[in-house]
Amino acid sequence: MSDFPSTKFDRGKIFAKTGLKVGSNYAKHYLKSLTDKNGDKSELHRQTAENLLVSLRNFGEPH
């Protein structure tokens, strides 16, 4: 528990970084869907889940 980010600012940085990654996934997906009308959301969901899991897994590591 000593590695857990203790300040609101440190925890906020982790959430903001994850939010930017997820947002970029959505931007890439929607740009791709403009050219490919048969786009599948499964890749979007996979990338988003992967980013969230990595972020949560790294939450307790020292920064």
PDB file of N, CA and C in Angstrom:
ATOM      1  N   MET A   1       0.817  -1.194   0.000  1.00  0.00           N
ATOM      2  CA  MET A   1       0.000   0.000   0.000  1.00  0.00           C
ATOM      3  C   MET A   1       0.861   1.258   0.000  1.00  0.00           C
ATOM      4  N   SER A   2       2.145   1.109   0.312  1.00  0.00           N
ATOM      5  CA  SER A   2       3.007   2.289   0.351  1.00  0.00           C
ATOM      6  C   SER A   2       3.276   2.850  -1.040  1.00  0.00           C
ATOM      7  N   ASP A   3       3.095   2.026  -2.089  1.00  0.00           N
ATOM      8  CA  ASP A   3       3.325   2.487  -3.457  1.00  0.00           C
ATOM      9  C   ASP A   3       2.111   3.181  -4.059  1.00  0.00           C
ATOM     10  N   PHE A   4       0.988   3.128  -3.380  1.00  0.00           N
ATOM     11  CA  PHE A   4      -0.240   3.740  -3.865  1.00  0.00           C
ATOM     12  C   PHE A   4      -0.061   5.253  -3.921  1.00  0.00           C
ATOM     13  N   PRO A   5      -0.410   5.893  -5.038  1.00  0.00           N
ATOM     14  CA  PRO A   5      -0.271   7.358  -5.123  1.00  0.00           C
ATOM     15  C   PRO A   5      -1.085   8.032  -4.028  1.00  0.00           C
ATOM     16  N   SER A   6      -0.415   8.825  -3.216  1.00  0.00           N
ATOM     17  CA  SER A   6      -1.076   9.349  -2.024  1.00  0.00           C
ATOM     18  C   SER A   6      -1.795  10.679  -2.239  1.00  0.00           C
ATOM     19  N   THR A   7      -1.431  11.409  -3.264  1.00  0.00           N
ATOM     20  CA  THR A   7      -2.085  12.697  -3.445  1.00  0.00           C
ATOM     21  C   THR A   7      -3.141  12.629  -4.549  1.00  0.00           C
ATOM     22  N   LYS A   8      -4.083  13.523  -4.438  1.00  0.00           N
ATOM     23  CA  LYS A   8      -5.132  13.603  -5.459  1.00  0.00           C
ATOM     24  C   LYS A   8      -4.528  13.912  -6.820  1.00  0.00           C
ATOM     25  N   PHE A   9      -3.510  14.731  -6.818  1.00  0.00           N
ATOM     26  CA  PHE A   9      -2.868  15.113  -8.073  1.00  0.00           C
ATOM     27  C   PHE A   9      -2.234  13.906  -8.759  1.00  0.00           C
ATOM     28  N   ASP A  10      -1.526  13.069  -7.996  1.00  0.00           N
ATOM     29  CA  ASP A  10      -0.890  11.876  -8.567  1.00  0.00           C
ATOM     30  C   ASP A  10      -1.929  10.904  -9.114  1.00  0.00           C
ATOM     31  N   ARG A  11      -2.995  10.690  -8.374  1.00  0.00           N
ATOM     32  CA  ARG A  11      -4.056   9.802  -8.853  1.00  0.00           C
ATOM     33  C   ARG A  11      -4.747  10.402 -10.071  1.00  0.00           C
ATOM     34  N   GLY A  12      -4.943  11.710 -10.062  1.00  0.00           N
ATOM     35  CA  GLY A  12      -5.566  12.390 -11.194  1.00  0.00           C
ATOM     36  C   GLY A  12      -4.740  12.279 -12.458  1.00  0.00           C
ATOM     37  N   LYS A  13      -3.415  12.337 -12.324  1.00  0.00           N
ATOM     38  CA  LYS A  13      -2.535  12.181 -13.485  1.00  0.00           C
ATOM     39  C   LYS A  13      -2.730  10.814 -14.127  1.00  0.00           C
ATOM     40  N   ILE A  14      -2.865   9.781 -13.295  1.00  0.00           N
ATOM     41  CA  ILE A  14      -3.045   8.421 -13.823  1.00  0.00           C
ATOM     42  C   ILE A  14      -4.367   8.327 -14.573  1.00  0.00           C
ATOM     43  N   PHE A  15      -5.438   8.858 -13.995  1.00  0.00           N
ATOM     44  CA  PHE A  15      -6.745   8.807 -14.650  1.00  0.00           C
ATOM     45  C   PHE A  15      -6.776   9.652 -15.919  1.00  0.00           C
ATOM     46  N   ALA A  16      -6.125  10.804 -15.893  1.00  0.00           N
ATOM     47  CA  ALA A  16      -6.093  11.664 -17.084  1.00  0.00           C
ATOM     48  C   ALA A  16      -5.330  10.995 -18.220  1.00  0.00           C
ATOM     49  N   LYS A  17      -4.212  10.370 -17.892  1.00  0.00           N
ATOM     50  CA  LYS A  17      -3.415   9.679 -18.906  1.00  0.00           C
ATOM     51  C   LYS A  17      -4.218   8.543 -19.534  1.00  0.00           C
ATOM     52  N   THR A  18      -4.934   7.794 -18.692  1.00  0.00           N
ATOM     53  CA  THR A  18      -5.777   6.705 -19.199  1.00  0.00           C
ATOM     54  C   THR A  18      -6.901   7.262 -20.056  1.00  0.00           C
ATOM     55  N   GLY A  19      -7.506   8.358 -19.631  1.00  0.00           N
ATOM     56  CA  GLY A  19      -8.578   8.979 -20.401  1.00  0.00           C
ATOM     57  C   GLY A  19      -8.112   9.436 -21.770  1.00  0.00           C
ATOM     58  N   LEU A  20      -6.896   9.954 -21.840  1.00  0.00           N
ATOM     59  CA  LEU A  20      -6.352  10.369 -23.138  1.00  0.00           C
ATOM     60  C   LEU A  20      -6.123   9.174 -24.055  1.00  0.00           C
ATOM     61  N   LYS A  21      -5.660   8.067 -23.483  1.00  0.00           N
ATOM     62  CA  LYS A  21      -5.443   6.867 -24.289  1.00  0.00           C
ATOM     63  C   LYS A  21      -6.771   6.337 -24.830  1.00  0.00           C
ATOM     64  N   VAL A  22      -7.778   6.278 -23.966  1.00  0.00           N
ATOM     65  CA  VAL A  22      -9.094   5.793 -24.393  1.00  0.00           C
ATOM     66  C   VAL A  22      -9.695   6.747 -25.425  1.00  0.00           C
ATOM     67  N   GLY A  23      -9.552   8.035 -25.200  1.00  0.00           N
ATOM     68  CA  GLY A  23     -10.055   9.016 -26.164  1.00  0.00           C
ATOM     69  C   GLY A  23      -9.387   8.893 -27.518  1.00  0.00           C
ATOM     70  N   SER A  24      -8.090   8.617 -27.506  1.00  0.00           N
ATOM     71  CA  SER A  24      -7.401   8.448 -28.784  1.00  0.00           C
ATOM     72  C   SER A  24      -7.861   7.179 -29.487  1.00  0.00           C
ATOM     73  N   ASN A  25      -8.211   6.145 -28.717  1.00  0.00           N
ATOM     74  CA  ASN A  25      -8.770   4.927 -29.319  1.00  0.00           C
ATOM     75  C   ASN A  25     -10.075   5.247 -30.051  1.00  0.00           C
ATOM     76  N   TYR A  26     -10.939   6.029 -29.409  1.00  0.00           N
ATOM     77  CA  TYR A  26     -12.209   6.398 -30.032  1.00  0.00           C
ATOM     78  C   TYR A  26     -11.985   7.255 -31.274  1.00  0.00           C
ATOM     79  N   ALA A  27     -11.041   8.201 -31.199  1.00  0.00           N
ATOM     80  CA  ALA A  27     -10.758   9.053 -32.357  1.00  0.00           C
ATOM     81  C   ALA A  27     -10.267   8.213 -33.527  1.00  0.00           C
ATOM     82  N   LYS A  28      -9.349   7.286 -33.261  1.00  0.00           N
ATOM     83  CA  LYS A  28      -8.845   6.405 -34.319  1.00  0.00           C
ATOM     84  C   LYS A  28      -9.972   5.570 -34.914  1.00  0.00           C
ATOM     85  N   HIS A  29     -10.847   5.050 -34.045  1.00  0.00           N
ATOM     86  CA  HIS A  29     -11.949   4.209 -34.512  1.00  0.00           C
ATOM     87  C   HIS A  29     -12.888   5.003 -35.426  1.00  0.00           C
ATOM     88  N   TYR A  30     -13.256   6.211 -34.997  1.00  0.00           N
ATOM     89  CA  TYR A  30     -14.206   6.987 -35.791  1.00  0.00           C
ATOM     90  C   TYR A  30     -13.588   7.495 -37.090  1.00  0.00           C
ATOM     91  N   LEU A  31     -12.293   7.808 -37.080  1.00  0.00           N
ATOM     92  CA  LEU A  31     -11.625   8.186 -38.332  1.00  0.00           C
ATOM     93  C   LEU A  31     -11.557   6.997 -39.283  1.00  0.00           C
ATOM     94  N   LYS A  32     -11.306   5.824 -38.725  1.00  0.00           N
ATOM     95  CA  LYS A  32     -11.268   4.615 -39.549  1.00  0.00           C
ATOM     96  C   LYS A  32     -12.657   4.291 -40.101  1.00  0.00           C
ATOM     97  N   SER A  33     -13.694   4.549 -39.303  1.00  0.00           N
ATOM     98  CA  SER A  33     -15.049   4.231 -39.744  1.00  0.00           C
ATOM     99  C   SER A  33     -15.520   5.162 -40.867  1.00  0.00           C
ATOM    100  N   LEU A  34     -14.869   6.305 -41.036  1.00  0.00           N
ATOM    101  CA  LEU A  34     -15.213   7.193 -42.148  1.00  0.00           C
ATOM    102  C   LEU A  34     -14.835   6.574 -43.483  1.00  0.00           C
ATOM    103  N   THR A  35     -13.745   5.812 -43.487  1.00  0.00           N
ATOM    104  CA  THR A  35     -13.296   5.191 -44.730  1.00  0.00           C
ATOM    105  C   THR A  35     -13.838   3.772 -44.895  1.00  0.00           C
ATOM    106  N   ASP A  36     -14.075   3.094 -43.781  1.00  0.00           N
ATOM    107  CA  ASP A  36     -14.550   1.712 -43.823  1.00  0.00           C
ATOM    108  C   ASP A  36     -15.928   1.650 -43.171  1.00  0.00           C
ATOM    109  N   LYS A  37     -16.961   1.662 -43.975  1.00  0.00           N
ATOM    110  CA  LYS A  37     -18.339   1.700 -43.453  1.00  0.00           C
ATOM    111  C   LYS A  37     -18.737   0.406 -42.742  1.00  0.00           C
ATOM    112  N   ASN A  38     -18.009  -0.679 -42.966  1.00  0.00           N
ATOM    113  CA  ASN A  38     -18.309  -1.953 -42.312  1.00  0.00           C
ATOM    114  C   ASN A  38     -17.446  -2.141 -41.069  1.00  0.00           C
ATOM    115  N   GLY A  39     -17.045  -1.037 -40.453  1.00  0.00           N
ATOM    116  CA  GLY A  39     -16.161  -1.084 -39.291  1.00  0.00           C
ATOM    117  C   GLY A  39     -16.760  -1.870 -38.140  1.00  0.00           C
ATOM    118  N   ASP A  40     -15.876  -2.549 -37.428  1.00  0.00           N
ATOM    119  CA  ASP A  40     -16.270  -3.380 -36.298  1.00  0.00           C
ATOM    120  C   ASP A  40     -15.753  -2.726 -35.018  1.00  0.00           C
ATOM    121  N   LYS A  41     -16.585  -2.704 -33.999  1.00  0.00           N
ATOM    122  CA  LYS A  41     -16.187  -2.084 -32.744  1.00  0.00           C
ATOM    123  C   LYS A  41     -15.373  -3.022 -31.851  1.00  0.00           C
ATOM    124  N   SER A  42     -15.185  -4.261 -32.256  1.00  0.00           N
ATOM    125  CA  SER A  42     -14.479  -5.203 -31.393  1.00  0.00           C
ATOM    126  C   SER A  42     -13.031  -4.763 -31.143  1.00  0.00           C
ATOM    127  N   GLU A  43     -12.373  -4.211 -32.155  1.00  0.00           N
ATOM    128  CA  GLU A  43     -10.991  -3.729 -31.970  1.00  0.00           C
ATOM    129  C   GLU A  43     -10.972  -2.532 -31.021  1.00  0.00           C
ATOM    130  N   LEU A  44     -11.937  -1.651 -31.147  1.00  0.00           N
ATOM    131  CA  LEU A  44     -12.047  -0.507 -30.246  1.00  0.00           C
ATOM    132  C   LEU A  44     -12.214  -0.981 -28.803  1.00  0.00           C
ATOM    133  N   HIS A  45     -13.107  -1.940 -28.592  1.00  0.00           N
ATOM    134  CA  HIS A  45     -13.348  -2.452 -27.246  1.00  0.00           C
ATOM    135  C   HIS A  45     -12.122  -3.166 -26.690  1.00  0.00           C
ATOM    136  N   ARG A  46     -11.407  -3.896 -27.541  1.00  0.00           N
ATOM    137  CA  ARG A  46     -10.217  -4.609 -27.100  1.00  0.00           C
ATOM    138  C   ARG A  46      -9.130  -3.623 -26.663  1.00  0.00           C
ATOM    139  N   GLN A  47      -8.889  -2.597 -27.467  1.00  0.00           N
ATOM    140  CA  GLN A  47      -7.861  -1.608 -27.136  1.00  0.00           C
ATOM    141  C   GLN A  47      -8.220  -0.832 -25.867  1.00  0.00           C
ATOM    142  N   THR A  48      -9.478  -0.473 -25.737  1.00  0.00           N
ATOM    143  CA  THR A  48      -9.912   0.270 -24.562  1.00  0.00           C
ATOM    144  C   THR A  48      -9.763  -0.573 -23.302  1.00  0.00           C
ATOM    145  N   ALA A  49     -10.186  -1.829 -23.365  1.00  0.00           N
ATOM    146  CA  ALA A  49     -10.052  -2.718 -22.213  1.00  0.00           C
ATOM    147  C   ALA A  49      -8.585  -2.918 -21.857  1.00  0.00           C
ATOM    148  N   GLU A  50      -7.744  -3.076 -22.861  1.00  0.00           N
ATOM    149  CA  GLU A  50      -6.312  -3.261 -22.619  1.00  0.00           C
ATOM    150  C   GLU A  50      -5.715  -2.036 -21.928  1.00  0.00           C
ATOM    151  N   ASN A  51      -6.061  -0.847 -22.393  1.00  0.00           N
ATOM    152  CA  ASN A  51      -5.557   0.380 -21.764  1.00  0.00           C
ATOM    153  C   ASN A  51      -6.021   0.505 -20.326  1.00  0.00           C
ATOM    154  N   LEU A  52      -7.274   0.179 -20.069  1.00  0.00           N
ATOM    155  CA  LEU A  52      -7.801   0.273 -18.704  1.00  0.00           C
ATOM    156  C   LEU A  52      -7.132  -0.732 -17.772  1.00  0.00           C
ATOM    157  N   LEU A  53      -6.952  -1.947 -18.251  1.00  0.00           N
ATOM    158  CA  LEU A  53      -6.320  -2.964 -17.417  1.00  0.00           C
ATOM    159  C   LEU A  53      -4.867  -2.623 -17.115  1.00  0.00           C
ATOM    160  N   VAL A  54      -4.142  -2.143 -18.102  1.00  0.00           N
ATOM    161  CA  VAL A  54      -2.744  -1.753 -17.877  1.00  0.00           C
ATOM    162  C   VAL A  54      -2.680  -0.612 -16.878  1.00  0.00           C
ATOM    163  N   SER A  55      -3.580   0.333 -17.010  1.00  0.00           N
ATOM    164  CA  SER A  55      -3.599   1.472 -16.109  1.00  0.00           C
ATOM    165  C   SER A  55      -3.900   1.045 -14.675  1.00  0.00           C
ATOM    166  N   LEU A  56      -4.867   0.166 -14.510  1.00  0.00           N
ATOM    167  CA  LEU A  56      -5.203  -0.310 -13.165  1.00  0.00           C
ATOM    168  C   LEU A  56      -4.087  -1.168 -12.581  1.00  0.00           C
ATOM    169  N   ARG A  57      -3.459  -1.957 -13.430  1.00  0.00           N
ATOM    170  CA  ARG A  57      -2.364  -2.814 -12.980  1.00  0.00           C
ATOM    171  C   ARG A  57      -1.184  -1.963 -12.511  1.00  0.00           C
ATOM    172  N   ASN A  58      -0.941  -0.854 -13.192  1.00  0.00           N
ATOM    173  CA  ASN A  58       0.184   0.013 -12.851  1.00  0.00           C
ATOM    174  C   ASN A  58      -0.165   1.047 -11.772  1.00  0.00           C
ATOM    175  N   PHE A  59      -1.369   1.036 -11.302  1.00  0.00           N
ATOM    176  CA  PHE A  59      -1.829   2.054 -10.359  1.00  0.00           C
ATOM    177  C   PHE A  59      -1.022   2.031  -9.072  1.00  0.00           C
ATOM    178  N   GLY A  60      -0.627   0.860  -8.617  1.00  0.00           N
ATOM    179  CA  GLY A  60       0.088   0.758  -7.364  1.00  0.00           C
ATOM    180  C   GLY A  60       1.591   0.847  -7.472  1.00  0.00           C
ATOM    181  N   GLU A  61       2.111   0.975  -8.690  1.00  0.00           N
ATOM    182  CA  GLU A  61       3.558   1.048  -8.857  1.00  0.00           C
ATOM    183  C   GLU A  61       4.046   2.461  -8.579  1.00  0.00           C
ATOM    184  N   PRO A  62       5.261   2.570  -8.097  1.00  0.00           N
ATOM    185  CA  PRO A  62       5.811   3.912  -7.806  1.00  0.00           C
ATOM    186  C   PRO A  62       5.979   4.726  -9.089  1.00  0.00           C
ATOM    187  N   HIS A  63       5.740   6.019  -8.992  1.00  0.00           N
ATOM    188  CA  HIS A  63       5.852   6.916 -10.147  1.00  0.00           C
ATOM    189  C   HIS A  63       6.919   7.936  -9.919  1.00  0.00           C
TER     190      HIS A  63
END
